[in-house]
PDB file of N, CA and C in Angstrom:
ATOM      1  N   MET A   1     -10.137  -6.425   1.029  1.00  0.00           N
ATOM      2  CA  MET A   1      -8.755  -6.595   1.411  1.00  0.00           C
ATOM      3  C   MET A   1      -8.135  -5.220   1.559  1.00  0.00           C
ATOM      4  N   LEU A   2      -7.455  -5.014   2.651  1.00  0.00           N
ATOM      5  CA  LEU A   2      -6.710  -3.787   2.890  1.00  0.00           C
ATOM      6  C   LEU A   2      -5.231  -4.120   2.837  1.00  0.00           C
ATOM      7  N   MET A   3      -4.459  -3.319   2.123  1.00  0.00           N
ATOM      8  CA  MET A   3      -3.027  -3.563   2.008  1.00  0.00           C
ATOM      9  C   MET A   3      -2.291  -2.259   2.269  1.00  0.00           C
ATOM     10  N   VAL A   4      -1.235  -2.343   3.082  1.00  0.00           N
ATOM     11  CA  VAL A   4      -0.333  -1.226   3.310  1.00  0.00           C
ATOM     12  C   VAL A   4       1.047  -1.729   2.952  1.00  0.00           C
ATOM     13  N   THR A   5       1.679  -1.088   1.968  1.00  0.00           N
ATOM     14  CA  THR A   5       3.006  -1.501   1.540  1.00  0.00           C
ATOM     15  C   THR A   5       3.759  -0.315   0.965  1.00  0.00           C
ATOM     16  N   PRO A   6       5.022  -0.119   1.338  1.00  0.00           N
ATOM     17  CA  PRO A   6       5.765   1.012   0.806  1.00  0.00           C
ATOM     18  C   PRO A   6       6.148   0.828  -0.665  1.00  0.00           C
ATOM     19  N   PHE A   7       6.293  -0.413  -1.083  1.00  0.00           N
ATOM     20  CA  PHE A   7       6.711  -0.709  -2.453  1.00  0.00           C
ATOM     21  C   PHE A   7       5.728  -1.686  -3.077  1.00  0.00           C
ATOM     22  N   LEU A   8       4.998  -1.235  -4.078  1.00  0.00           N
ATOM     23  CA  LEU A   8       3.956  -2.048  -4.711  1.00  0.00           C
ATOM     24  C   LEU A   8       4.357  -2.344  -6.146  1.00  0.00           C
ATOM     25  N   ILE A   9       4.821  -3.556  -6.381  1.00  0.00           N
ATOM     26  CA  ILE A   9       5.170  -4.018  -7.724  1.00  0.00           C
ATOM     27  C   ILE A   9       4.523  -5.394  -7.885  1.00  0.00           C
ATOM     28  N   PRO A  10       3.260  -5.429  -8.322  1.00  0.00           N
ATOM     29  CA  PRO A  10       2.506  -6.685  -8.295  1.00  0.00           C
ATOM     30  C   PRO A  10       2.965  -7.750  -9.288  1.00  0.00           C
ATOM     31  N   GLY A  11       3.579  -7.384 -10.399  1.00  0.00           N
ATOM     32  CA  GLY A  11       3.944  -8.378 -11.394  1.00  0.00           C
ATOM     33  C   GLY A  11       2.712  -9.044 -11.995  1.00  0.00           C
ATOM     34  N   ASN A  12       2.923 -10.004 -12.848  1.00  0.00           N
ATOM     35  CA  ASN A  12       1.803 -10.690 -13.503  1.00  0.00           C
ATOM     36  C   ASN A  12       0.927 -11.457 -12.515  1.00  0.00           C
ATOM     37  N   GLU A  13       1.562 -12.143 -11.544  1.00  0.00           N
ATOM     38  CA  GLU A  13       0.795 -12.931 -10.569  1.00  0.00           C
ATOM     39  C   GLU A  13      -0.045 -12.021  -9.671  1.00  0.00           C
ATOM     40  N   GLY A  14       0.521 -10.922  -9.235  1.00  0.00           N
ATOM     41  CA  GLY A  14      -0.225  -9.991  -8.400  1.00  0.00           C
ATOM     42  C   GLY A  14      -1.376  -9.360  -9.153  1.00  0.00           C
ATOM     43  N   MET A  15      -1.142  -8.991 -10.401  1.00  0.00           N
ATOM     44  CA  MET A  15      -2.211  -8.405 -11.205  1.00  0.00           C
ATOM     45  C   MET A  15      -3.330  -9.418 -11.422  1.00  0.00           C
ATOM     46  N   GLN A  16      -2.974 -10.684 -11.610  1.00  0.00           N
ATOM     47  CA  GLN A  16      -3.993 -11.727 -11.751  1.00  0.00           C
ATOM     48  C   GLN A  16      -4.789 -11.868 -10.458  1.00  0.00           C
ATOM     49  N   LEU A  17      -4.099 -11.793  -9.322  1.00  0.00           N
ATOM     50  CA  LEU A  17      -4.774 -11.853  -8.024  1.00  0.00           C
ATOM     51  C   LEU A  17      -5.785 -10.716  -7.891  1.00  0.00           C
ATOM     52  N   PHE A  18      -5.371  -9.489  -8.197  1.00  0.00           N
ATOM     53  CA  PHE A  18      -6.277  -8.346  -8.079  1.00  0.00           C
ATOM     54  C   PHE A  18      -7.447  -8.465  -9.054  1.00  0.00           C
ATOM     55  N   ASN A  19      -7.183  -8.981 -10.243  1.00  0.00           N
ATOM     56  CA  ASN A  19      -8.246  -9.188 -11.219  1.00  0.00           C
ATOM     57  C   ASN A  19      -9.244 -10.228 -10.725  1.00  0.00           C
ATOM     58  N   ASP A  20      -8.732 -11.331 -10.168  1.00  0.00           N
ATOM     59  CA  ASP A  20      -9.605 -12.376  -9.621  1.00  0.00           C
ATOM     60  C   ASP A  20     -10.456 -11.840  -8.468  1.00  0.00           C
ATOM     61  N   LEU A  21      -9.842 -11.051  -7.594  1.00  0.00           N
ATOM     62  CA  LEU A  21     -10.591 -10.468  -6.479  1.00  0.00           C
ATOM     63  C   LEU A  21     -11.681  -9.538  -6.998  1.00  0.00           C
ATOM     64  N   SER A  22     -11.361  -8.757  -8.003  1.00  0.00           N
ATOM     65  CA  SER A  22     -12.339  -7.845  -8.599  1.00  0.00           C
ATOM     66  C   SER A  22     -13.506  -8.627  -9.197  1.00  0.00           C
ATOM     67  N   ASN A  23     -13.206  -9.724  -9.878  1.00  0.00           N
ATOM     68  CA  ASN A  23     -14.256 -10.559 -10.478  1.00  0.00           C
ATOM     69  C   ASN A  23     -15.159 -11.195  -9.435  1.00  0.00           C
ATOM     70  N   ARG A  24     -14.653 -11.346  -8.203  1.00  0.00           N
ATOM     71  CA  ARG A  24     -15.460 -11.883  -7.100  1.00  0.00           C
ATOM     72  C   ARG A  24     -16.083 -10.771  -6.259  1.00  0.00           C
ATOM     73  N   ASN A  25     -16.012  -9.532  -6.766  1.00  0.00           N
ATOM     74  CA  ASN A  25     -16.565  -8.354  -6.085  1.00  0.00           C
ATOM     75  C   ASN A  25     -15.939  -8.101  -4.713  1.00  0.00           C
ATOM     76  N   VAL A  26     -14.647  -8.405  -4.594  1.00  0.00           N
ATOM     77  CA  VAL A  26     -13.915  -8.123  -3.366  1.00  0.00           C
ATOM     78  C   VAL A  26     -13.362  -6.703  -3.463  1.00  0.00           C
ATOM     79  N   ARG A  27     -13.628  -5.898  -2.450  1.00  0.00           N
ATOM     80  CA  ARG A  27     -13.114  -4.535  -2.413  1.00  0.00           C
ATOM     81  C   ARG A  27     -11.650  -4.588  -1.995  1.00  0.00           C
ATOM     82  N   VAL A  28     -10.776  -3.996  -2.818  1.00  0.00           N
ATOM     83  CA  VAL A  28      -9.335  -3.977  -2.547  1.00  0.00           C
ATOM     84  C   VAL A  28      -8.900  -2.525  -2.410  1.00  0.00           C
ATOM     85  N   ARG A  29      -8.301  -2.209  -1.263  1.00  0.00           N
ATOM     86  CA  ARG A  29      -7.770  -0.867  -1.014  1.00  0.00           C
ATOM     87  C   ARG A  29      -6.302  -0.995  -0.653  1.00  0.00           C
ATOM     88  N   ILE A  30      -5.477  -0.159  -1.304  1.00  0.00           N
ATOM     89  CA  ILE A  30      -4.030  -0.222  -1.099  1.00  0.00           C
ATOM     90  C   ILE A  30      -3.506   1.167  -0.757  1.00  0.00           C
ATOM     91  N   LEU A  31      -2.697   1.232   0.297  1.00  0.00           N
ATOM     92  CA  LEU A  31      -1.987   2.446   0.672  1.00  0.00           C
ATOM     93  C   LEU A  31      -0.516   2.218   0.406  1.00  0.00           C
ATOM     94  N   THR A  32       0.104   3.114  -0.373  1.00  0.00           N
ATOM     95  CA  THR A  32       1.515   2.990  -0.715  1.00  0.00           C
ATOM     96  C   THR A  32       2.139   4.375  -0.809  1.00  0.00           C
ATOM     97  N   ASN A  33       3.424   4.420  -1.065  1.00  0.00           N
ATOM     98  CA  ASN A  33       4.119   5.694  -1.212  1.00  0.00           C
ATOM     99  C   ASN A  33       3.810   6.341  -2.552  1.00  0.00           C
ATOM    100  N   SER A  34       3.785   7.653  -2.550  1.00  0.00           N
ATOM    101  CA  SER A  34       3.728   8.417  -3.799  1.00  0.00           C
ATOM    102  C   SER A  34       5.156   8.565  -4.319  1.00  0.00           C
ATOM    103  N   LEU A  35       5.306   9.066  -5.519  1.00  0.00           N
ATOM    104  CA  LEU A  35       6.641   9.333  -6.054  1.00  0.00           C
ATOM    105  C   LEU A  35       7.385  10.293  -5.133  1.00  0.00           C
ATOM    106  N   GLU A  36       6.677  11.295  -4.638  1.00  0.00           N
ATOM    107  CA  GLU A  36       7.288  12.309  -3.778  1.00  0.00           C
ATOM    108  C   GLU A  36       7.799  11.721  -2.468  1.00  0.00           C
ATOM    109  N   SER A  37       7.079  10.763  -1.918  1.00  0.00           N
ATOM    110  CA  SER A  37       7.460  10.233  -0.607  1.00  0.00           C
ATOM    111  C   SER A  37       8.333   8.981  -0.684  1.00  0.00           C
ATOM    112  N   SER A  38       8.483   8.406  -1.839  1.00  0.00           N
ATOM    113  CA  SER A  38       9.245   7.165  -1.963  1.00  0.00           C
ATOM    114  C   SER A  38      10.724   7.396  -1.689  1.00  0.00           C
ATOM    115  N   THR A  39      11.312   6.475  -0.947  1.00  0.00           N
ATOM    116  CA  THR A  39      12.745   6.540  -0.671  1.00  0.00           C
ATOM    117  C   THR A  39      13.552   5.669  -1.631  1.00  0.00           C
ATOM    118  N   VAL A  40      12.852   4.869  -2.434  1.00  0.00           N
ATOM    119  CA  VAL A  40      13.518   3.975  -3.379  1.00  0.00           C
ATOM    120  C   VAL A  40      12.915   4.227  -4.758  1.00  0.00           C
ATOM    121  N   LEU A  41      13.563   5.066  -5.532  1.00  0.00           N
ATOM    122  CA  LEU A  41      13.003   5.473  -6.824  1.00  0.00           C
ATOM    123  C   LEU A  41      12.900   4.323  -7.818  1.00  0.00           C
ATOM    124  N   ILE A  42      13.781   3.350  -7.754  1.00  0.00           N
ATOM    125  CA  ILE A  42      13.703   2.216  -8.681  1.00  0.00           C
ATOM    126  C   ILE A  42      12.422   1.412  -8.417  1.00  0.00           C
ATOM    127  N   ALA A  43      12.046   1.268  -7.156  1.00  0.00           N
ATOM    128  CA  ALA A  43      10.793   0.573  -6.826  1.00  0.00           C
ATOM    129  C   ALA A  43       9.598   1.386  -7.311  1.00  0.00           C
ATOM    130  N   GLN A  44       9.662   2.690  -7.153  1.00  0.00           N
ATOM    131  CA  GLN A  44       8.576   3.550  -7.614  1.00  0.00           C
ATOM    132  C   GLN A  44       8.432   3.472  -9.128  1.00  0.00           C
ATOM    133  N   SER A  45       9.545   3.359  -9.846  1.00  0.00           N
ATOM    134  CA  SER A  45       9.466   3.261 -11.307  1.00  0.00           C
ATOM    135  C   SER A  45       8.817   1.946 -11.728  1.00  0.00           C
ATOM    136  N   GLY A  46       8.986   0.890 -10.931  1.00  0.00           N
ATOM    137  CA  GLY A  46       8.305  -0.373 -11.211  1.00  0.00           C
ATOM    138  C   GLY A  46       6.818  -0.289 -10.944  1.00  0.00           C
ATOM    139  N   TYR A  47       6.434   0.427  -9.921  1.00  0.00           N
ATOM    140  CA  TYR A  47       5.023   0.585  -9.533  1.00  0.00           C
ATOM    141  C   TYR A  47       4.244   1.441 -10.519  1.00  0.00           C
ATOM    142  N   MET A  48       4.855   2.500 -11.028  1.00  0.00           N
ATOM    143  CA  MET A  48       4.100   3.481 -11.826  1.00  0.00           C
ATOM    144  C   MET A  48       3.453   2.864 -13.058  1.00  0.00           C
ATOM    145  N   HIS A  49       3.995   1.792 -13.578  1.00  0.00           N
ATOM    146  CA  HIS A  49       3.421   1.140 -14.757  1.00  0.00           C
ATOM    147  C   HIS A  49       2.163   0.330 -14.423  1.00  0.00           C
ATOM    148  N   TYR A  50       1.965   0.046 -13.139  1.00  0.00           N
ATOM    149  CA  TYR A  50       0.807  -0.740 -12.709  1.00  0.00           C
ATOM    150  C   TYR A  50      -0.362   0.129 -12.242  1.00  0.00           C
ATOM    151  N   ARG A  51      -0.137   1.420 -12.038  1.00  0.00           N
ATOM    152  CA  ARG A  51      -1.179   2.277 -11.458  1.00  0.00           C
ATOM    153  C   ARG A  51      -2.482   2.240 -12.262  1.00  0.00           C
ATOM    154  N   VAL A  52      -2.426   2.539 -13.549  1.00  0.00           N
ATOM    155  CA  VAL A  52      -3.645   2.572 -14.371  1.00  0.00           C
ATOM    156  C   VAL A  52      -4.287   1.184 -14.462  1.00  0.00           C
ATOM    157  N   PRO A  53      -3.536   0.110 -14.735  1.00  0.00           N
ATOM    158  CA  PRO A  53      -4.168  -1.215 -14.755  1.00  0.00           C
ATOM    159  C   PRO A  53      -4.820  -1.595 -13.420  1.00  0.00           C
ATOM    160  N   LEU A  54      -4.194  -1.234 -12.303  1.00  0.00           N
ATOM    161  CA  LEU A  54      -4.790  -1.511 -10.997  1.00  0.00           C
ATOM    162  C   LEU A  54      -6.115  -0.778 -10.843  1.00  0.00           C
ATOM    163  N   LEU A  55      -6.135   0.484 -11.222  1.00  0.00           N
ATOM    164  CA  LEU A  55      -7.367   1.266 -11.133  1.00  0.00           C
ATOM    165  C   LEU A  55      -8.449   0.689 -12.037  1.00  0.00           C
ATOM    166  N   LYS A  56      -8.053   0.237 -13.223  1.00  0.00           N
ATOM    167  CA  LYS A  56      -9.023  -0.381 -14.143  1.00  0.00           C
ATOM    168  C   LYS A  56      -9.593  -1.672 -13.575  1.00  0.00           C
ATOM    169  N   ASP A  57      -8.802  -2.366 -12.746  1.00  0.00           N
ATOM    170  CA  ASP A  57      -9.281  -3.590 -12.084  1.00  0.00           C
ATOM    171  C   ASP A  57     -10.133  -3.277 -10.860  1.00  0.00           C
ATOM    172  N   GLY A  58     -10.322  -2.004 -10.566  1.00  0.00           N
ATOM    173  CA  GLY A  58     -11.167  -1.624  -9.444  1.00  0.00           C
ATOM    174  C   GLY A  58     -10.444  -1.468  -8.124  1.00  0.00           C
ATOM    175  N   VAL A  59      -9.125  -1.563  -8.140  1.00  0.00           N
ATOM    176  CA  VAL A  59      -8.354  -1.377  -6.909  1.00  0.00           C
ATOM    177  C   VAL A  59      -8.396   0.104  -6.527  1.00  0.00           C
ATOM    178  N   GLU A  60      -8.655   0.373  -5.251  1.00  0.00           N
ATOM    179  CA  GLU A  60      -8.631   1.744  -4.744  1.00  0.00           C
ATOM    180  C   GLU A  60      -7.214   2.034  -4.256  1.00  0.00           C
ATOM    181  N   LEU A  61      -6.509   2.928  -4.949  1.00  0.00           N
ATOM    182  CA  LEU A  61      -5.131   3.265  -4.596  1.00  0.00           C
ATOM    183  C   LEU A  61      -5.089   4.568  -3.808  1.00  0.00           C
ATOM    184  N   TYR A  62      -4.324   4.564  -2.737  1.00  0.00           N
ATOM    185  CA  TYR A  62      -4.082   5.753  -1.932  1.00  0.00           C
ATOM    186  C   TYR A  62      -2.574   5.894  -1.787  1.00  0.00           C
ATOM    187  N   GLU A  63      -2.068   7.106  -1.979  1.00  0.00           N
ATOM    188  CA  GLU A  63      -0.626   7.345  -1.904  1.00  0.00           C
ATOM    189  C   GLU A  63      -0.323   8.382  -0.831  1.00  0.00           C
ATOM    190  N   ILE A  64       0.712   8.105  -0.055  1.00  0.00           N
ATOM    191  CA  ILE A  64       1.156   8.985   1.021  1.00  0.00           C
ATOM    192  C   ILE A  64       1.775  10.254   0.437  1.00  0.00           C
ATOM    193  N   ARG A  65       1.443  11.383   1.043  1.00  0.00           N
ATOM    194  CA  ARG A  65       2.096  12.643   0.693  1.00  0.00           C
ATOM    195  C   ARG A  65       3.383  12.757   1.493  1.00  0.00           C
ATOM    196  N   SER A  66       4.397  13.308   0.882  1.00  0.00           N
ATOM    197  CA  SER A  66       5.669  13.480   1.562  1.00  0.00           C
ATOM    198  C   SER A  66       5.640  14.647   2.535  1.00  0.00           C
ATOM    199  N   LEU A  67       5.037  15.732   2.129  1.00  0.00           N
ATOM    200  CA  LEU A  67       4.951  16.922   2.973  1.00  0.00           C
ATOM    201  C   LEU A  67       3.499  17.124   3.386  1.00  0.00           C
ATOM    202  N   LEU A  68       3.244  17.041   4.669  1.00  0.00           N
ATOM    203  CA  LEU A  68       1.875  17.222   5.123  1.00  0.00           C
ATOM    204  C   LEU A  68       1.431  18.670   5.063  1.00  0.00           C
ATOM    205  N   GLY A  69       2.331  19.587   5.355  1.00  0.00           N
ATOM    206  CA  GLY A  69       1.928  20.983   5.402  1.00  0.00           C
ATOM    207  C   GLY A  69       1.054  21.234   6.606  1.00  0.00           C
ATOM    208  N   LYS A  70      -0.199  20.826   6.538  1.00  0.00           N
ATOM    209  CA  LYS A  70      -1.122  20.938   7.662  1.00  0.00           C
ATOM    210  C   LYS A  70      -1.429  19.536   8.157  1.00  0.00           C
ATOM    211  N   ALA A  71      -1.387  19.357   9.451  1.00  0.00           N
ATOM    212  CA  ALA A  71      -1.648  18.040  10.025  1.00  0.00           C
ATOM    213  C   ALA A  71      -3.142  17.748  10.127  1.00  0.00           C
ATOM    214  N   ARG A  72      -3.983  18.762   9.989  1.00  0.00           N
ATOM    215  CA  ARG A  72      -5.422  18.582  10.167  1.00  0.00           C
ATOM    216  C   ARG A  72      -5.961  17.495   9.220  1.00  0.00           C
ATOM    217  N   GLY A  73      -6.612  16.506   9.766  1.00  0.00           N
ATOM    218  CA  GLY A  73      -7.217  15.441   8.975  1.00  0.00           C
ATOM    219  C   GLY A  73      -6.270  14.328   8.591  1.00  0.00           C
ATOM    220  N   SER A  74      -4.995  14.466   8.916  1.00  0.00           N
ATOM    221  CA  SER A  74      -4.022  13.458   8.500  1.00  0.00           C
ATOM    222  C   SER A  74      -3.830  12.351   9.523  1.00  0.00           C
ATOM    223  N   GLY A  75      -4.250  12.602  10.757  1.00  0.00           N
ATOM    224  CA  GLY A  75      -3.977  11.642  11.818  1.00  0.00           C
ATOM    225  C   GLY A  75      -2.647  11.901  12.494  1.00  0.00           C
ATOM    226  N   GLU A  76      -1.859  12.821  11.966  1.00  0.00           N
ATOM    227  CA  GLU A  76      -0.566  13.173  12.543  1.00  0.00           C
ATOM    228  C   GLU A  76      -0.698  14.460  13.350  1.00  0.00           C
ATOM    229  N   THR A  77       0.168  14.617  14.319  1.00  0.00           N
ATOM    230  CA  THR A  77       0.175  15.838  15.111  1.00  0.00           C
ATOM    231  C   THR A  77       1.002  16.901  14.405  1.00  0.00           C
ATOM    232  N   VAL A  78       0.781  18.143  14.770  1.00  0.00           N
ATOM    233  CA  VAL A  78       1.572  19.243  14.225  1.00  0.00           C
ATOM    234  C   VAL A  78       3.042  19.038  14.566  1.00  0.00           C
ATOM    235  N   ALA A  79       3.323  18.534  15.759  1.00  0.00           N
ATOM    236  CA  ALA A  79       4.707  18.303  16.183  1.00  0.00           C
ATOM    237  C   ALA A  79       5.425  17.327  15.252  1.00  0.00           C
ATOM    238  N   ILE A  80       4.730  16.292  14.797  1.00  0.00           N
ATOM    239  CA  ILE A  80       5.344  15.311  13.893  1.00  0.00           C
ATOM    240  C   ILE A  80       5.564  15.915  12.514  1.00  0.00           C
ATOM    241  N   SER A  81       4.558  16.589  11.963  1.00  0.00           N
ATOM    242  CA  SER A  81       4.636  17.064  10.583  1.00  0.00           C
ATOM    243  C   SER A  81       5.603  18.221  10.401  1.00  0.00           C
ATOM    244  N   ARG A  82       6.015  18.881  11.462  1.00  0.00           N
ATOM    245  CA  ARG A  82       6.932  20.018  11.309  1.00  0.00           C
ATOM    246  C   ARG A  82       8.355  19.585  10.966  1.00  0.00           C
ATOM    247  N   TYR A  83       8.655  18.301  11.087  1.00  0.00           N
ATOM    248  CA  TYR A  83      10.004  17.823  10.827  1.00  0.00           C
ATOM    249  C   TYR A  83      10.285  17.565   9.348  1.00  0.00           C
ATOM    250  N   GLY A  84       9.313  17.796   8.479  1.00  0.00           N
ATOM    251  CA  GLY A  84       9.565  17.678   7.050  1.00  0.00           C
ATOM    252  C   GLY A  84       9.065  16.388   6.441  1.00  0.00           C
ATOM    253  N   ASN A  85       9.798  15.903   5.456  1.00  0.00           N
ATOM    254  CA  ASN A  85       9.380  14.755   4.663  1.00  0.00           C
ATOM    255  C   ASN A  85       9.304  13.469   5.485  1.00  0.00           C
ATOM    256  N   TYR A  86       8.399  12.628   5.088  1.00  0.00           N
ATOM    257  CA  TYR A  86       8.334  11.290   5.642  1.00  0.00           C
ATOM    258  C   TYR A  86       7.775  10.364   4.579  1.00  0.00           C
ATOM    259  N   SER A  87       7.966   9.061   4.767  1.00  0.00           N
ATOM    260  CA  SER A  87       7.430   8.087   3.820  1.00  0.00           C
ATOM    261  C   SER A  87       6.873   6.900   4.596  1.00  0.00           C
ATOM    262  N   LEU A  88       6.072   6.143   3.911  1.00  0.00           N
ATOM    263  CA  LEU A  88       5.445   4.955   4.480  1.00  0.00           C
ATOM    264  C   LEU A  88       6.453   3.815   4.493  1.00  0.00           C
ATOM    265  N   HIS A  89       6.489   3.071   5.596  1.00  0.00           N
ATOM    266  CA  HIS A  89       7.360   1.899   5.623  1.00  0.00           C
ATOM    267  C   HIS A  89       6.669   0.678   6.236  1.00  0.00           C
ATOM    268  N   ALA A  90       5.416   0.814   6.647  1.00  0.00           N
ATOM    269  CA  ALA A  90       4.670  -0.311   7.221  1.00  0.00           C
ATOM    270  C   ALA A  90       4.286  -1.304   6.137  1.00  0.00           C
ATOM    271  N   LYS A  91       4.138  -2.562   6.529  1.00  0.00           N
ATOM    272  CA  LYS A  91       3.677  -3.612   5.618  1.00  0.00           C
ATOM    273  C   LYS A  91       2.610  -4.422   6.321  1.00  0.00           C
ATOM    274  N   MET A  92       1.400  -4.448   5.723  1.00  0.00           N
ATOM    275  CA  MET A  92       0.287  -5.117   6.387  1.00  0.00           C
ATOM    276  C   MET A  92      -0.785  -5.471   5.361  1.00  0.00           C
ATOM    277  N   PHE A  93      -1.430  -6.614   5.556  1.00  0.00           N
ATOM    278  CA  PHE A  93      -2.560  -7.034   4.751  1.00  0.00           C
ATOM    279  C   PHE A  93      -3.671  -7.467   5.695  1.00  0.00           C
ATOM    280  N   VAL A  94      -4.909  -7.079   5.418  1.00  0.00           N
ATOM    281  CA  VAL A  94      -6.054  -7.511   6.208  1.00  0.00           C
ATOM    282  C   VAL A  94      -7.043  -8.159   5.243  1.00  0.00           C
ATOM    283  N   PHE A  95      -7.445  -9.402   5.540  1.00  0.00           N
ATOM    284  CA  PHE A  95      -8.371 -10.142   4.696  1.00  0.00           C
ATOM    285  C   PHE A  95      -9.670 -10.380   5.444  1.00  0.00           C
ATOM    286  N   ASP A  96     -10.786  -9.985   4.890  1.00  0.00           N
ATOM    287  CA  ASP A  96     -12.116 -10.271   5.435  1.00  0.00           C
ATOM    288  C   ASP A  96     -12.265  -9.935   6.914  1.00  0.00           C
ATOM    289  N   ARG A  97     -11.463  -9.020   7.392  1.00  0.00           N
ATOM    290  CA  ARG A  97     -11.488  -8.624   8.808  1.00  0.00           C
ATOM    291  C   ARG A  97     -11.343  -9.831   9.733  1.00  0.00           C
ATOM    292  N   GLN A  98     -10.743 -10.893   9.216  1.00  0.00           N
ATOM    293  CA  GLN A  98     -10.535 -12.123   9.982  1.00  0.00           C
ATOM    294  C   GLN A  98      -9.059 -12.366  10.256  1.00  0.00           C
ATOM    295  N   ARG A  99      -8.232 -12.058   9.274  1.00  0.00           N
ATOM    296  CA  ARG A  99      -6.799 -12.330   9.399  1.00  0.00           C
ATOM    297  C   ARG A  99      -6.009 -11.103   8.972  1.00  0.00           C
ATOM    298  N   VAL A 100      -4.899 -10.889   9.673  1.00  0.00           N
ATOM    299  CA  VAL A 100      -3.994  -9.799   9.315  1.00  0.00           C
ATOM    300  C   VAL A 100      -2.591 -10.388   9.174  1.00  0.00           C
ATOM    301  N   PHE A 101      -1.899  -9.971   8.169  1.00  0.00           N
ATOM    302  CA  PHE A 101      -0.522 -10.386   7.928  1.00  0.00           C
ATOM    303  C   PHE A 101       0.343  -9.150   8.101  1.00  0.00           C
ATOM    304  N   ILE A 102       1.300  -9.232   9.014  1.00  0.00           N
ATOM    305  CA  ILE A 102       2.193  -8.111   9.283  1.00  0.00           C
ATOM    306  C   ILE A 102       3.612  -8.639   9.166  1.00  0.00           C
ATOM    307  N   GLY A 103       4.455  -7.931   8.428  1.00  0.00           N
ATOM    308  CA  GLY A 103       5.811  -8.419   8.275  1.00  0.00           C
ATOM    309  C   GLY A 103       6.732  -7.383   7.700  1.00  0.00           C
ATOM    310  N   SER A 104       7.926  -7.804   7.403  1.00  0.00           N
ATOM    311  CA  SER A 104       8.919  -6.881   6.881  1.00  0.00           C
ATOM    312  C   SER A 104       9.087  -7.005   5.369  1.00  0.00           C
ATOM    313  N   MET A 105       8.278  -7.836   4.740  1.00  0.00           N
ATOM    314  CA  MET A 105       8.379  -8.007   3.296  1.00  0.00           C
ATOM    315  C   MET A 105       7.488  -6.996   2.572  1.00  0.00           C
ATOM    316  N   ASN A 106       7.857  -6.663   1.354  1.00  0.00           N
ATOM    317  CA  ASN A 106       7.081  -5.758   0.520  1.00  0.00           C
ATOM    318  C   ASN A 106       6.264  -6.572  -0.476  1.00  0.00           C
ATOM    319  N   PHE A 107       5.248  -5.940  -1.087  1.00  0.00           N
ATOM    320  CA  PHE A 107       4.453  -6.643  -2.086  1.00  0.00           C
ATOM    321  C   PHE A 107       5.183  -6.574  -3.423  1.00  0.00           C
ATOM    322  N   ASP A 108       6.264  -7.328  -3.495  1.00  0.00           N
ATOM    323  CA  ASP A 108       7.051  -7.411  -4.719  1.00  0.00           C
ATOM    324  C   ASP A 108       7.598  -8.828  -4.874  1.00  0.00           C
ATOM    325  N   HIS A 109       6.703  -9.781  -4.764  1.00  0.00           N
ATOM    326  CA  HIS A 109       6.972 -11.208  -4.967  1.00  0.00           C
ATOM    327  C   HIS A 109       7.501 -11.934  -3.741  1.00  0.00           C
ATOM    328  N   ASP A 110       7.516 -11.291  -2.551  1.00  0.00           N
ATOM    329  CA  ASP A 110       7.944 -11.955  -1.324  1.00  0.00           C
ATOM    330  C   ASP A 110       6.757 -12.106  -0.386  1.00  0.00           C
ATOM    331  N   PRO A 111       6.663 -13.224   0.358  1.00  0.00           N
ATOM    332  CA  PRO A 111       5.544 -13.418   1.296  1.00  0.00           C
ATOM    333  C   PRO A 111       5.748 -12.638   2.595  1.00  0.00           C
ATOM    334  N   CYS A 112       4.662 -12.364   3.292  1.00  0.00           N
ATOM    335  CA  CYS A 112       4.747 -11.771   4.631  1.00  0.00           C
ATOM    336  C   CYS A 112       5.188 -12.854   5.604  1.00  0.00           C
ATOM    337  N   ILE A 113       5.723 -12.452   6.743  1.00  0.00           N
ATOM    338  CA  ILE A 113       6.329 -13.440   7.625  1.00  0.00           C
ATOM    339  C   ILE A 113       5.594 -13.685   8.935  1.00  0.00           C
ATOM    340  N   LEU A 114       4.635 -12.864   9.298  1.00  0.00           N
ATOM    341  CA  LEU A 114       3.987 -13.036  10.589  1.00  0.00           C
ATOM    342  C   LEU A 114       2.483 -12.956  10.399  1.00  0.00           C
ATOM    343  N   THR A 115       1.759 -13.914  10.951  1.00  0.00           N
ATOM    344  CA  THR A 115       0.294 -13.889  10.849  1.00  0.00           C
ATOM    345  C   THR A 115      -0.314 -13.915  12.236  1.00  0.00           C
ATOM    346  N   ARG A 116      -1.508 -13.336  12.349  1.00  0.00           N
ATOM    347  CA  ARG A 116      -2.235 -13.335  13.611  1.00  0.00           C
ATOM    348  C   ARG A 116      -3.728 -13.243  13.307  1.00  0.00           C
ATOM    349  N   LYS A 117      -4.528 -14.086  13.927  1.00  0.00           N
ATOM    350  CA  LYS A 117      -5.975 -14.022  13.758  1.00  0.00           C
ATOM    351  C   LYS A 117      -6.542 -12.896  14.600  1.00  0.00           C
ATOM    352  N   LEU A 118      -7.365 -12.046  13.972  1.00  0.00           N
ATOM    353  CA  LEU A 118      -7.997 -10.947  14.690  1.00  0.00           C
ATOM    354  C   LEU A 118      -9.122 -11.464  15.566  1.00  0.00           C
ATOM    355  N   ALA A 119      -9.334 -10.826  16.706  1.00  0.00           N
ATOM    356  CA  ALA A 119     -10.430 -11.213  17.599  1.00  0.00           C
ATOM    357  C   ALA A 119     -11.756 -10.727  17.067  1.00  0.00           C
TER     358      ALA A 119
END
């Protein structure tokens, strides 16, 4: 499962989901904002308590850097990175490379709103 979310606050139900996926040997990778890149500090304070438990459950966490400095290897152009700070705002889930959920909801107890089957 691949997840992209700017605000990651799994709560008890989300942590149970990640634990269940881990027990079934499902690889879970999550991209979210770092403290530096987060635009909502209260959401980041909710997430920080889950970081170690998520890692212990085998979740691979990746956090966006606020300042790229060098664009090399980032996927961004030099023209984009010269404008300073940026943060992640996309929301997406990919399951078994079969289904993708894209929406405006965050992973903080709200469902995604748009689904599409991948070809």
